Amino acid sequence: MTLVLSTTAMLLFTHASVKQGFLDYVSQQAISRLQYLENAIKEVYAQEMSLSSLKDDQRVWRRLKYQTFREYIEQQSREALSNNEPPLHPSVKAQERAFVDQLILVDADKSIIVGEKFENAEYSWRELFFEDQLIGYIGYIKPKDFMRSVDRLFINQQLKAFALLSIGIFIGSFLIALLVSSWLVKPMSELSKAAEKISSGDYSVRINRAASDEMGALCNNFNELARTLSANEAARKQWVADISHEMRTPLSVLQAQIEAMQDGIRPTSEENLALLKTKIDSLSRLINDLYELSLSDLGALSYSKENLDLSTVINNIAPDYEQKLASDGLELLVENTLSEKARIFADPKRISQLFSNLLENSARYTDAPGKVLLRASREKHLIHITLEDSAPAVAEDQLDSIFDRLFRIETSRNRATGGAGLGLSICKNIVEAHNGRISAQQSTLGGLQIKLSFDLT
């Protein structure tokens, strides 16, 4: 509908514009013929220094007009003959004569000297000057239609050709619009159907469209969204399965031990009660870690930030873990080159929790005898913290996943050492909450290296 209206409006506008433009041209051609009459009137004025003779004897006025008419017709006939064109049609002469008949002559005050002025007619005026003096005007009615049939024929041919061109443009535009709409509607329909499937929980849907245009990019983005949702759904299911497994293991041991005591198979001794407490502590740590991680994911983990001296935090926490690591056959080395001016805007409690989780991770997964190196240094506006341990190492292809929740190395870093694989996930959330950076790579000591960086205040 829009195409039809726009094409019709363009056709009507062009029709009126071309017709009016050519009519103006034809009118100017007719008006230019008045030059012959103007010259004749000036000759009369030069002889008498007045135009009163034309007023007194209107035959002189008619003679001047028709002499002008004949001179113009003769000139047109000579031009047609020299150009091997057919002679002027009698209707042309009649039309030219009608133009000459309606001419009038007025003085400088536009008082009629000679000629009949038609009522309700819109006259145009051609000034008459003699030696730079205004002596009067020739009044004429500007043609509002084509006086010559040849002009009508020409303009009709032009308008017909343009009408055919407009129809051709309309048909071509319609076909192009049809092709473009089908090109757009098909993928949009596929996108709509695929979106319905995704909203119903089917994340396996994909749109096959190998194109480098905007629609192809949109389809690729949609496929990427579907893959992300599918991966998140798989991760959610794996998360639930892993959590169930992690909680079921200590609960199963507790249940078995308690039932054995109830049945009298195992005595209620200090040793058996200590075993039960160990499993309860393991379960409590898991629940606390899950709670901490869920709070940090939701952004609900509380932070009371202040200008914190990081060097003091390291010096306070290192002795606590030095003895614990030594009991596990590990040596803790500290290289702290930070001054008291090395401060960051941070929560002391959460930063201490960060270092505790990192050191606990090394204690849990490093083979004895081994080493754990904690290094702190400053570089311009940054504080760098590095914690690395000795063997066993982490495979290169697993370093990117080491901060994922419930991720643990099943081979070299033994699962039997305990923990649910949530510590490093919590560490990552704490670091990011302080606008810091955390990364993992293989350690020069043979194990894992964790690198932290914080902005100085």
Protein backbone atom coordinates (compact mmCIF):
# COMPACT_ATOMS: atom_id res chain seq x y z
CA MET A 1 0.00 0.00 0.00
CA THR A 2 2.83 2.40 0.87
CA LEU A 3 4.52 1.62 -2.43
CA VAL A 4 1.30 2.29 -4.37
CA LEU A 5 0.66 5.59 -2.60
CA SER A 6 4.24 6.81 -2.98
CA THR A 7 4.38 5.89 -6.69
CA THR A 8 1.00 7.54 -7.36
CA ALA A 9 2.03 10.69 -5.48
CA MET A 10 5.30 10.83 -7.40
CA LEU A 11 3.47 10.40 -10.72
CA LEU A 12 0.95 13.15 -9.94
CA PHE A 13 3.62 15.54 -8.70
CA THR A 14 5.85 14.95 -11.71
CA HIS A 15 2.89 15.31 -14.09
CA ALA A 16 2.03 18.71 -12.63
CA SER A 17 5.67 19.80 -12.39
CA VAL A 18 6.60 18.81 -15.96
CA LYS A 19 3.41 20.29 -17.42
CA GLN A 20 3.81 23.58 -15.54
CA GLY A 21 7.50 23.79 -16.37
CA PHE A 22 6.96 23.25 -20.07
CA LEU A 23 3.99 25.64 -20.04
CA ASP A 24 6.27 28.30 -18.53
CA TYR A 25 8.76 27.63 -21.29
CA VAL A 26 6.12 27.89 -23.99
CA SER A 27 4.78 31.07 -22.37
CA GLN A 28 8.23 32.62 -22.43
CA GLN A 29 8.47 31.74 -26.10
CA ALA A 30 5.15 33.51 -26.76
CA ILE A 31 6.17 36.52 -24.70
CA SER A 32 9.49 36.80 -26.55
CA ARG A 33 7.49 37.48 -29.73
CA LEU A 34 6.43 40.80 -28.25
CA GLN A 35 9.90 42.10 -29.10
CA TYR A 36 8.67 42.72 -32.68
CA LEU A 37 5.70 44.79 -31.42
CA GLU A 38 7.87 46.64 -28.90
CA ASN A 39 10.24 47.79 -31.64
CA ALA A 40 7.32 48.99 -33.79
CA ILE A 41 5.80 50.99 -30.88
CA LYS A 42 9.18 52.64 -30.18
CA GLU A 43 9.41 53.74 -33.82
CA VAL A 44 6.01 55.43 -33.51
CA TYR A 45 7.07 57.14 -30.28
CA ALA A 46 10.36 58.30 -31.82
CA GLN A 47 8.49 60.05 -34.63
CA GLU A 48 5.85 61.78 -32.49
CA MET A 49 7.35 61.57 -28.96
CA SER A 50 3.91 60.38 -27.97
CA LEU A 51 1.62 57.36 -28.30
CA SER A 52 -1.54 59.43 -28.77
CA SER A 53 -1.73 58.54 -32.45
CA LEU A 54 -2.33 54.94 -31.48
CA LYS A 55 -5.18 56.03 -29.21
CA ASP A 56 -6.71 58.32 -31.83
CA ASP A 57 -6.49 55.80 -34.65
CA GLN A 58 -6.83 52.19 -33.44
CA ARG A 59 -6.27 50.97 -36.97
CA VAL A 60 -2.60 51.84 -36.55
CA TRP A 61 -2.54 49.65 -33.39
CA ARG A 62 -4.15 46.75 -35.19
CA ARG A 63 -1.78 47.14 -38.11
CA LEU A 64 1.23 47.06 -35.79
CA LYS A 65 -0.05 43.97 -34.00
CA TYR A 66 -0.82 41.98 -37.11
CA GLN A 67 2.34 43.09 -38.84
CA THR A 68 4.16 41.68 -35.84
CA PHE A 69 2.12 38.50 -36.14
CA ARG A 70 2.95 38.14 -39.84
CA GLU A 71 6.65 38.74 -39.26
CA TYR A 72 6.74 36.03 -36.61
CA ILE A 73 4.81 33.56 -38.77
CA GLU A 74 7.10 34.26 -41.73
CA GLN A 75 10.15 33.73 -39.56
CA GLN A 76 8.80 30.42 -38.25
CA SER A 77 7.96 29.32 -41.81
CA ARG A 78 11.49 30.15 -43.02
CA GLU A 79 13.02 28.21 -40.12
CA ALA A 80 10.77 25.21 -40.84
CA LEU A 81 11.76 25.31 -44.52
CA SER A 82 15.49 25.57 -43.78
CA ASN A 83 15.24 22.65 -41.33
CA ASN A 84 13.27 20.52 -43.83
CA GLU A 85 10.32 20.54 -41.49
CA PRO A 86 6.66 20.59 -42.60
CA PRO A 87 5.06 24.06 -42.87
CA LEU A 88 3.12 25.50 -39.95
CA HIS A 89 -0.34 24.03 -39.51
CA PRO A 90 -3.25 26.49 -39.93
CA SER A 91 -4.27 25.83 -36.32
CA VAL A 92 -0.92 27.18 -35.18
CA LYS A 93 -1.57 30.43 -37.02
CA ALA A 94 -5.02 30.66 -35.43
CA GLN A 95 -3.55 30.13 -31.95
CA GLU A 96 -0.88 32.75 -32.51
CA ARG A 97 -3.50 35.20 -33.78
CA ALA A 98 -5.58 34.65 -30.61
CA PHE A 99 -2.55 35.56 -28.52
CA VAL A 100 -2.03 38.78 -30.50
CA ASP A 101 -5.73 39.78 -30.31
CA GLN A 102 -5.74 40.02 -26.50
CA LEU A 103 -2.78 42.47 -26.31
CA ILE A 104 -3.35 45.96 -24.87
CA LEU A 105 -1.22 49.10 -24.59
CA VAL A 106 -1.17 51.32 -21.48
CA ASP A 107 0.81 54.41 -20.51
CA ALA A 108 3.31 54.73 -17.62
CA ASP A 109 0.42 55.09 -15.17
CA LYS A 110 -1.17 51.93 -16.64
CA SER A 111 -4.08 53.87 -18.11
CA ILE A 112 -5.34 52.16 -21.25
CA ILE A 113 -4.16 53.78 -24.47
CA VAL A 114 -5.54 51.24 -26.88
CA GLY A 115 -6.99 47.73 -26.71
CA GLU A 116 -9.79 46.01 -24.84
CA LYS A 117 -9.04 44.83 -21.33
CA PHE A 118 -10.90 41.67 -20.36
CA GLU A 119 -12.55 41.55 -16.96
CA ASN A 120 -11.30 39.00 -14.40
CA ALA A 121 -8.25 38.40 -16.58
CA GLU A 122 -4.79 38.24 -15.03
CA TYR A 123 -2.48 40.44 -17.09
CA SER A 124 1.28 40.47 -17.18
CA TRP A 125 3.16 43.57 -18.21
CA ARG A 126 6.13 44.17 -20.51
CA GLU A 127 7.82 47.52 -19.90
CA LEU A 128 8.48 49.96 -22.79
CA PHE A 129 11.52 52.20 -22.47
CA PHE A 130 12.65 54.94 -24.84
CA GLU A 131 16.05 56.40 -24.07
CA ASP A 132 15.82 55.11 -20.46
CA GLN A 133 12.37 56.67 -19.99
CA LEU A 134 9.35 54.51 -19.17
CA ILE A 135 6.72 55.33 -21.79
CA GLY A 136 4.22 52.52 -21.12
CA TYR A 137 3.48 48.80 -20.92
CA ILE A 138 2.29 46.08 -23.25
CA GLY A 139 -0.32 44.04 -21.41
CA TYR A 140 -0.84 40.39 -22.21
CA ILE A 141 -2.63 37.41 -20.72
CA LYS A 142 -0.09 34.76 -19.87
CA PRO A 143 -1.05 31.51 -21.64
CA LYS A 144 -2.50 28.94 -19.27
CA ASP A 145 -2.60 26.19 -21.85
CA PHE A 146 -0.57 25.15 -24.83
CA MET A 147 -1.48 27.20 -27.86
CA ARG A 148 0.25 24.95 -30.34
CA SER A 149 -0.87 21.40 -30.98
CA VAL A 150 2.76 20.40 -31.41
CA ASP A 151 3.39 21.55 -27.83
CA ARG A 152 0.46 19.49 -26.60
CA LEU A 153 1.75 16.50 -28.49
CA PHE A 154 5.21 16.88 -27.01
CA ILE A 155 4.07 17.21 -23.42
CA ASN A 156 1.60 14.33 -23.78
CA GLN A 157 4.38 12.12 -25.11
CA GLN A 158 6.63 13.07 -22.19
CA LEU A 159 3.92 12.43 -19.63
CA LYS A 160 3.03 9.12 -21.24
CA ALA A 161 6.67 8.03 -21.22
CA PHE A 162 7.00 9.02 -17.56
CA ALA A 163 3.79 7.19 -16.69
CA LEU A 164 5.17 4.03 -18.31
CA LEU A 165 8.46 4.55 -16.46
CA SER A 166 6.60 4.98 -13.18
CA ILE A 167 4.65 1.78 -13.77
CA GLY A 168 7.92 -0.01 -14.53
CA ILE A 169 9.50 1.38 -11.36
CA PHE A 170 6.44 0.33 -9.38
CA ILE A 171 6.53 -3.21 -10.73
CA GLY A 172 10.30 -3.45 -10.19
CA SER A 173 10.05 -2.04 -6.67
CA PHE A 174 7.20 -4.40 -5.89
CA LEU A 175 9.20 -7.42 -7.03
CA ILE A 176 12.27 -6.27 -5.09
CA ALA A 177 10.15 -5.61 -1.99
CA LEU A 178 8.61 -9.05 -2.38
CA LEU A 179 12.03 -10.69 -2.56
CA VAL A 180 13.41 -8.65 0.35
CA SER A 181 10.35 -9.33 2.50
CA SER A 182 10.59 -13.06 1.86
CA TRP A 183 14.30 -12.86 2.64
CA LEU A 184 13.51 -11.14 5.94
CA VAL A 185 10.33 -12.97 6.92
CA LYS A 186 11.75 -16.48 6.63
CA PRO A 187 14.62 -16.02 9.12
CA MET A 188 12.43 -13.93 11.39
CA SER A 189 9.87 -16.72 11.40
CA GLU A 190 12.64 -19.21 12.22
CA LEU A 191 13.85 -16.91 15.01
CA SER A 192 10.33 -16.66 16.42
CA LYS A 193 9.83 -20.42 16.43
CA ALA A 194 13.29 -20.99 17.92
CA ALA A 195 12.60 -18.41 20.65
CA GLU A 196 9.39 -20.26 21.53
CA LYS A 197 11.34 -23.50 21.90
CA ILE A 198 13.94 -21.83 24.11
CA SER A 199 11.23 -20.28 26.29
CA SER A 200 9.82 -23.78 26.77
CA GLY A 201 13.23 -25.07 27.92
CA ASP A 202 14.55 -26.64 24.69
CA TYR A 203 18.07 -25.16 24.40
CA SER A 204 19.19 -27.54 21.65
CA VAL A 205 17.50 -25.48 18.90
CA ARG A 206 19.84 -23.84 16.34
CA ILE A 207 19.25 -21.66 13.27
CA ASN A 208 21.23 -22.70 10.21
CA ARG A 209 21.94 -19.52 8.25
CA ALA A 210 25.38 -19.12 6.68
CA ALA A 211 25.37 -15.41 5.83
CA SER A 212 27.65 -12.48 6.61
CA ASP A 213 24.90 -9.84 6.67
CA GLU A 214 23.08 -8.37 9.69
CA MET A 215 20.49 -11.14 9.69
CA GLY A 216 23.25 -13.74 9.66
CA ALA A 217 24.91 -11.98 12.61
CA LEU A 218 21.59 -11.95 14.47
CA CYS A 219 21.14 -15.68 13.88
CA ASN A 220 24.71 -16.35 15.03
CA ASN A 221 24.09 -14.33 18.20
CA PHE A 222 20.88 -16.27 18.78
CA ASN A 223 22.75 -19.59 18.39
CA GLU A 224 25.41 -18.35 20.81
CA LEU A 225 22.66 -17.44 23.29
CA ALA A 226 21.15 -20.91 22.91
CA ARG A 227 24.55 -22.53 23.47
CA THR A 228 25.14 -20.38 26.57
CA LEU A 229 21.74 -21.25 28.00
CA SER A 230 22.35 -24.92 27.26
CA ALA A 231 25.75 -24.79 28.96
CA ASN A 232 24.29 -22.97 31.98
CA GLU A 233 21.49 -25.52 32.24
CA ALA A 234 24.00 -28.37 32.06
CA ALA A 235 26.17 -26.63 34.67
CA ARG A 236 23.14 -26.16 36.93
CA LYS A 237 22.24 -29.84 36.71
CA GLN A 238 25.87 -30.82 37.31
CA TRP A 239 25.98 -28.41 40.26
CA VAL A 240 22.94 -30.00 41.85
CA ALA A 241 24.32 -33.50 41.22
CA ASP A 242 27.75 -32.59 42.66
CA ILE A 243 26.28 -30.94 45.73
CA SER A 244 24.06 -33.96 46.33
CA HIS A 245 27.06 -36.23 46.04
CA GLU A 246 29.23 -34.07 48.33
CA MET A 247 26.56 -34.02 51.02
CA ARG A 248 25.58 -37.66 50.66
CA THR A 249 29.10 -38.95 51.30
CA PRO A 250 29.57 -37.62 54.88
CA LEU A 251 25.90 -38.27 55.66
CA SER A 252 26.23 -41.90 54.55
CA VAL A 253 29.30 -42.37 56.75
CA LEU A 254 27.53 -40.76 59.69
CA GLN A 255 24.46 -42.91 59.19
CA ALA A 256 26.49 -46.10 58.93
CA GLN A 257 28.57 -45.29 62.01
CA ILE A 258 25.56 -44.34 64.12
CA GLU A 259 23.59 -47.44 63.05
CA ALA A 260 26.61 -49.63 63.86
CA MET A 261 26.78 -48.11 67.33
CA GLN A 262 23.05 -48.56 67.84
CA ASP A 263 23.30 -52.22 66.81
CA GLY A 264 26.29 -52.75 69.11
CA ILE A 265 28.59 -53.58 66.19
CA ARG A 266 30.86 -50.64 67.01
CA PRO A 267 31.45 -49.39 70.53
CA THR A 268 30.60 -45.82 71.51
CA SER A 269 34.22 -44.96 72.11
CA GLU A 270 36.17 -41.69 71.98
CA GLU A 271 37.78 -42.81 68.74
CA ASN A 272 34.46 -43.52 67.00
CA LEU A 273 32.93 -40.29 68.30
CA ALA A 274 35.98 -38.37 66.96
CA LEU A 275 35.37 -39.99 63.55
CA LEU A 276 31.75 -38.83 63.65
CA LYS A 277 32.84 -35.30 64.58
CA THR A 278 35.27 -35.26 61.67
CA LYS A 279 32.48 -36.05 59.22
CA ILE A 280 30.20 -33.49 60.86
CA ASP A 281 32.94 -30.84 60.58
CA SER A 282 33.42 -31.72 56.91
CA LEU A 283 29.70 -31.39 56.30
CA SER A 284 29.59 -28.07 58.19
CA ARG A 285 32.46 -26.67 56.10
CA LEU A 286 30.64 -27.68 52.92
CA ILE A 287 27.42 -26.01 54.05
CA ASN A 288 29.29 -22.85 55.11
CA ASP A 289 31.16 -22.72 51.81
CA LEU A 290 27.91 -23.11 49.89
CA TYR A 291 26.34 -20.35 51.92
CA GLU A 292 29.30 -18.02 51.38
CA LEU A 293 29.38 -18.74 47.65
CA SER A 294 25.64 -18.21 47.21
CA LEU A 295 25.88 -14.87 49.05
CA SER A 296 28.77 -13.70 46.87
CA ASP A 297 26.96 -14.79 43.69
CA LEU A 298 23.88 -12.82 44.72
CA GLY A 299 25.97 -9.81 45.73
CA ALA A 300 24.66 -10.14 49.27
CA LEU A 301 28.02 -10.88 50.86
CA SER A 302 28.64 -8.01 53.27
CA TYR A 303 31.77 -5.88 52.84
CA SER A 304 33.00 -3.26 55.29
CA LYS A 305 35.81 -1.66 53.32
CA GLU A 306 38.52 0.60 54.67
CA ASN A 307 42.05 1.66 53.81
CA LEU A 308 43.77 -1.62 54.61
CA ASP A 309 47.49 -2.20 55.16
CA LEU A 310 47.95 -5.42 53.20
CA SER A 311 51.44 -6.02 54.55
CA THR A 312 50.08 -6.24 58.09
CA VAL A 313 47.39 -8.72 57.03
CA ILE A 314 50.04 -10.99 55.49
CA ASN A 315 52.34 -10.72 58.51
CA ASN A 316 49.48 -11.62 60.85
CA ILE A 317 48.13 -14.60 58.91
CA ALA A 318 51.45 -16.19 57.91
CA PRO A 319 52.46 -17.41 61.42
CA ASP A 320 49.05 -19.05 61.92
CA TYR A 321 49.50 -21.21 58.82
CA GLU A 322 53.23 -21.74 59.18
CA GLN A 323 52.69 -24.23 62.02
CA LYS A 324 49.68 -25.87 60.33
CA LEU A 325 51.60 -26.40 57.08
CA ALA A 326 54.63 -27.68 58.97
CA SER A 327 52.45 -30.33 60.62
CA ASP A 328 51.49 -31.47 57.11
CA GLY A 329 55.12 -31.65 56.01
CA LEU A 330 55.06 -28.34 54.13
CA GLU A 331 57.36 -25.34 54.49
CA LEU A 332 55.85 -21.84 54.23
CA LEU A 333 58.14 -19.18 52.76
CA VAL A 334 57.08 -15.50 52.90
CA GLU A 335 58.65 -12.74 50.77
CA ASN A 336 56.88 -9.54 51.76
CA THR A 337 58.44 -6.35 50.38
CA LEU A 338 55.38 -4.15 50.99
CA SER A 339 55.63 -1.09 53.16
CA GLU A 340 52.98 0.34 55.45
CA LYS A 341 52.06 2.78 52.68
CA ALA A 342 50.88 -0.13 50.49
CA ARG A 343 47.19 0.16 51.25
CA ILE A 344 44.10 -0.97 49.39
CA PHE A 345 40.43 -0.16 49.92
CA ALA A 346 39.20 -3.52 51.22
CA ASP A 347 37.34 -5.45 53.91
CA PRO A 348 39.91 -6.87 56.40
CA LYS A 349 37.71 -9.87 57.23
CA ARG A 350 37.20 -10.85 53.57
CA ILE A 351 40.88 -10.33 52.67
CA SER A 352 41.87 -12.58 55.57
CA GLN A 353 39.33 -15.13 54.33
CA LEU A 354 40.91 -14.86 50.87
CA PHE A 355 44.40 -15.69 52.15
CA SER A 356 43.04 -18.45 54.41
CA ASN A 357 41.27 -20.15 51.50
CA LEU A 358 44.38 -19.95 49.31
CA LEU A 359 46.64 -21.37 52.00
CA GLU A 360 44.08 -24.08 52.87
CA ASN A 361 43.99 -25.03 49.19
CA SER A 362 47.78 -25.42 49.11
CA ALA A 363 47.78 -27.35 52.38
CA ARG A 364 45.10 -29.71 51.12
CA TYR A 365 46.55 -30.48 47.69
CA THR A 366 50.36 -30.22 48.02
CA ASP A 367 52.30 -33.43 48.54
CA ALA A 368 54.66 -33.68 51.52
CA PRO A 369 57.45 -32.87 51.75
CA GLY A 370 56.81 -29.65 49.86
CA LYS A 371 56.92 -25.87 49.82
CA VAL A 372 54.44 -23.03 49.76
CA LEU A 373 55.72 -19.59 48.73
CA LEU A 374 53.76 -16.39 49.51
CA ARG A 375 55.20 -13.33 47.77
CA ALA A 376 53.95 -9.72 48.02
CA SER A 377 55.34 -6.78 46.03
CA ARG A 378 54.43 -3.37 44.68
CA GLU A 379 54.63 -2.11 41.10
CA LYS A 380 53.69 1.55 40.60
CA HIS A 381 49.96 1.77 41.43
CA LEU A 382 49.44 -2.00 41.85
CA ILE A 383 50.04 -4.58 44.58
CA HIS A 384 50.91 -8.07 43.36
CA ILE A 385 50.35 -11.16 45.52
CA THR A 386 51.64 -14.56 44.38
CA LEU A 387 50.97 -17.86 46.13
CA GLU A 388 52.59 -20.97 44.67
CA ASP A 389 53.23 -24.47 45.85
CA SER A 390 55.21 -27.52 44.89
CA ALA A 391 54.02 -30.72 43.20
CA PRO A 392 51.63 -32.04 42.13
CA ALA A 393 51.02 -29.76 39.15
CA VAL A 394 47.81 -28.80 37.40
CA ALA A 395 47.48 -29.60 33.71
CA GLU A 396 47.66 -26.59 31.40
CA ASP A 397 44.23 -27.27 29.92
CA GLN A 398 42.65 -27.29 33.41
CA LEU A 399 43.94 -23.90 34.59
CA ASP A 400 41.01 -22.00 33.08
CA SER A 401 38.54 -24.14 35.06
CA ILE A 402 40.25 -24.06 38.40
CA PHE A 403 38.03 -21.24 39.71
CA ASP A 404 34.83 -23.06 38.74
CA ARG A 405 32.76 -24.22 41.67
CA LEU A 406 33.14 -27.88 42.67
CA PHE A 407 36.12 -28.21 40.32
CA ARG A 408 38.84 -30.49 41.60
CA ILE A 409 41.73 -32.24 39.96
CA GLU A 410 40.89 -35.93 40.16
CA THR A 411 44.35 -37.27 39.38
CA SER A 412 47.47 -35.50 40.60
CA ARG A 413 45.65 -33.49 43.31
CA ASN A 414 44.00 -36.29 45.21
CA ARG A 415 40.26 -36.12 45.88
CA ALA A 416 40.77 -38.00 49.12
CA THR A 417 42.33 -34.94 50.75
CA GLY A 418 38.86 -33.48 51.27
CA GLY A 419 37.13 -30.24 50.40
CA ALA A 420 34.34 -29.58 48.00
CA GLY A 421 36.22 -27.48 45.44
CA LEU A 422 34.49 -24.25 46.47
CA GLY A 423 37.42 -22.40 48.06
CA LEU A 424 38.89 -20.94 44.87
CA SER A 425 35.43 -19.96 43.59
CA ILE A 426 34.89 -17.95 46.76
CA CYS A 427 38.38 -16.44 46.36
CA LYS A 428 37.53 -15.28 42.86
CA ASN A 429 34.30 -13.62 44.03
CA ILE A 430 36.11 -11.85 46.88
CA VAL A 431 38.86 -10.54 44.56
CA GLU A 432 36.36 -9.29 41.98
CA ALA A 433 34.32 -7.60 44.73
CA HIS A 434 37.48 -5.57 45.47
CA ASN A 435 38.01 -4.74 41.76
CA GLY A 436 41.05 -6.97 41.70
CA ARG A 437 42.35 -9.58 39.26
CA ILE A 438 43.03 -13.26 39.91
CA SER A 439 44.60 -15.86 37.62
CA ALA A 440 46.21 -19.30 37.77
CA GLN A 441 49.24 -20.79 36.06
CA GLN A 442 51.78 -23.52 36.60
CA SER A 443 54.26 -22.88 39.38
CA THR A 444 58.03 -22.89 39.01
CA LEU A 445 58.03 -25.02 42.19
CA GLY A 446 56.15 -27.75 40.33
CA GLY A 447 52.60 -27.13 41.52
CA LEU A 448 50.03 -24.34 41.15
CA GLN A 449 50.59 -20.57 41.14
CA ILE A 450 47.79 -18.12 42.01
CA LYS A 451 48.40 -14.46 41.09
CA LEU A 452 46.44 -11.56 42.59
CA SER A 453 46.63 -7.85 41.87
CA PHE A 454 44.90 -4.92 43.60
CA ASP A 455 44.84 -1.18 42.95
CA LEU A 456 46.50 1.02 45.54
CA THR A 457 44.38 3.65 47.25
